[in-house]
Amino acid sequence: MSDYDVFLADCPARTTLEVVGHTWSVVVVVALGEGPLRYGELLDRIGGISNKMLTQTLARLRGNGLLTTVDGWHELTDLGRSLLTPVRALAAWAEEHTGDLLDARQHAVEEPIGSSTHATMGA
């Protein structure tokens, strides 16, 4: 059992969740799960990430012991590799359910809160 409880306001595990739950962190960890990559290879592999954001993400992951950089190669540490199963599952869930989320978001825009449909849902 863990000594941490994410429901407590001052729990350090919340910082951990912030680090590993960041969109670019998830994408970088998944990319490096395929094997070590150089900076340019990561930049090419990850569409839409800027140089600045990739640099910041690599520094955040390195600073939290999730990756190491040796001779220009970025590689997951054992701790980083331990994240592969949950982040791959999260990425797969996102890929599978993005359409559903987009549909729900569009529905929410079309039917603002307080409409008769939403009011009866709680009854």
Protein backbone atom coordinates (compact mmCIF):
# COMPACT_ATOMS: atom_id res chain seq x y z
CA MET A 1 0.00 0.00 0.00
CA SER A 2 1.22 3.50 -0.79
CA ASP A 3 1.96 6.20 1.76
CA TYR A 4 0.37 8.74 -0.60
CA ASP A 5 -3.26 9.68 -1.13
CA VAL A 6 -4.06 11.78 -4.22
CA PHE A 7 -7.23 13.01 -2.53
CA LEU A 8 -5.20 14.99 0.01
CA ALA A 9 -4.49 18.59 -1.04
CA ASP A 10 -0.78 18.44 -0.21
CA CYS A 11 -0.11 14.96 -1.64
CA PRO A 12 3.12 14.85 -3.69
CA ALA A 13 1.52 12.20 -5.91
CA ARG A 14 -0.47 15.02 -7.52
CA THR A 15 2.80 16.44 -8.83
CA THR A 16 3.61 13.00 -10.21
CA LEU A 17 0.23 12.88 -11.94
CA GLU A 18 0.87 16.32 -13.39
CA VAL A 19 4.21 15.19 -14.82
CA VAL A 20 3.07 11.87 -16.26
CA GLY A 21 -0.40 13.09 -17.26
CA HIS A 22 0.85 15.97 -19.39
CA THR A 23 -0.12 15.37 -23.03
CA TRP A 24 3.40 15.68 -24.40
CA SER A 25 4.84 13.52 -21.61
CA VAL A 26 2.51 10.69 -22.58
CA VAL A 27 3.38 11.02 -26.26
CA VAL A 28 7.15 11.16 -25.61
CA VAL A 29 7.03 8.16 -23.27
CA VAL A 30 5.08 6.14 -25.86
CA ALA A 31 7.53 7.18 -28.60
CA LEU A 32 10.55 6.23 -26.48
CA GLY A 33 8.85 2.97 -25.60
CA GLU A 34 9.76 1.90 -29.14
CA GLY A 35 13.45 2.42 -28.31
CA PRO A 36 16.01 5.21 -27.86
CA LEU A 37 15.68 8.18 -30.20
CA ARG A 38 17.66 11.30 -30.96
CA TYR A 39 16.08 14.73 -30.55
CA GLY A 40 15.44 15.19 -34.28
CA GLU A 41 13.91 11.74 -34.55
CA LEU A 42 11.53 12.54 -31.70
CA LEU A 43 10.65 15.85 -33.33
CA ASP A 44 9.90 14.06 -36.62
CA ARG A 45 7.97 11.24 -34.88
CA ILE A 46 5.74 13.54 -32.81
CA GLY A 47 3.60 15.67 -35.05
CA GLY A 48 2.71 19.13 -33.81
CA ILE A 49 5.27 19.47 -31.01
CA SER A 50 7.48 22.55 -31.10
CA ASN A 51 11.21 22.55 -30.40
CA LYS A 52 10.58 24.46 -27.19
CA MET A 53 7.89 22.07 -25.95
CA LEU A 54 9.94 18.99 -26.79
CA THR A 55 12.94 20.45 -24.96
CA GLN A 56 10.78 21.29 -21.92
CA THR A 57 9.12 17.86 -21.94
CA LEU A 58 12.44 16.02 -22.17
CA ALA A 59 13.82 18.14 -19.31
CA ARG A 60 10.71 17.46 -17.18
CA LEU A 61 10.90 13.71 -17.81
CA ARG A 62 14.66 13.64 -17.22
CA GLY A 63 14.32 15.71 -14.04
CA ASN A 64 11.81 13.21 -12.70
CA GLY A 65 13.97 10.20 -13.47
CA LEU A 66 11.85 8.91 -16.34
CA LEU A 67 14.43 9.22 -19.08
CA THR A 68 18.12 9.58 -19.56
CA THR A 69 20.10 11.23 -22.33
CA VAL A 70 23.49 9.84 -23.32
CA ASP A 71 25.45 10.99 -26.36
CA GLY A 72 22.32 12.61 -27.81
CA TRP A 73 20.15 9.52 -27.40
CA HIS A 74 17.03 9.82 -25.27
CA GLU A 75 16.00 6.58 -23.57
CA LEU A 76 13.49 5.62 -20.90
CA THR A 77 14.87 4.58 -17.54
CA ASP A 78 13.47 1.56 -15.72
CA LEU A 79 11.08 3.95 -13.99
CA GLY A 80 10.05 5.42 -17.35
CA ARG A 81 9.54 1.96 -18.84
CA SER A 82 7.27 1.15 -15.88
CA LEU A 83 4.95 3.87 -17.26
CA LEU A 84 4.58 2.24 -20.67
CA THR A 85 1.63 -0.01 -19.83
CA PRO A 86 -0.57 2.71 -18.30
CA VAL A 87 0.31 5.43 -20.84
CA ARG A 88 -0.11 3.08 -23.79
CA ALA A 89 -3.50 2.13 -22.37
CA LEU A 90 -4.40 5.82 -21.98
CA ALA A 91 -3.25 6.61 -25.53
CA ALA A 92 -5.23 3.65 -26.90
CA TRP A 93 -8.31 4.75 -24.94
CA ALA A 94 -7.93 8.29 -26.33
CA GLU A 95 -7.61 7.00 -29.89
CA GLU A 96 -10.65 4.74 -29.47
CA HIS A 97 -12.93 7.27 -27.75
CA THR A 98 -11.96 10.61 -29.26
CA GLY A 99 -14.94 10.48 -31.64
CA ASP A 100 -17.28 9.88 -28.71
CA LEU A 101 -15.78 12.78 -26.79
CA LEU A 102 -16.01 15.09 -29.78
CA ASP A 103 -19.65 14.07 -30.29
CA ALA A 104 -20.41 14.72 -26.60
CA ARG A 105 -18.66 18.09 -26.76
CA GLN A 106 -20.69 19.07 -29.82
CA HIS A 107 -23.89 17.91 -28.12
CA ALA A 108 -23.05 20.02 -25.05
CA VAL A 109 -22.60 23.09 -27.27
CA GLU A 110 -25.92 22.44 -29.01
CA GLU A 111 -27.82 21.82 -25.76
CA PRO A 112 -26.64 24.25 -23.11
CA ILE A 113 -26.89 23.32 -19.46
CA GLY A 114 -30.33 24.10 -18.08
CA SER A 115 -32.19 22.83 -21.11
CA SER A 116 -35.05 20.42 -20.52
CA THR A 117 -32.91 17.38 -21.45
CA HIS A 118 -30.31 18.17 -18.79
CA ALA A 119 -32.87 19.17 -16.19
CA THR A 120 -34.64 15.82 -16.36
CA MET A 121 -31.45 13.77 -16.22
CA GLY A 122 -31.07 14.35 -12.49
CA ALA A 123 -34.70 13.48 -11.74
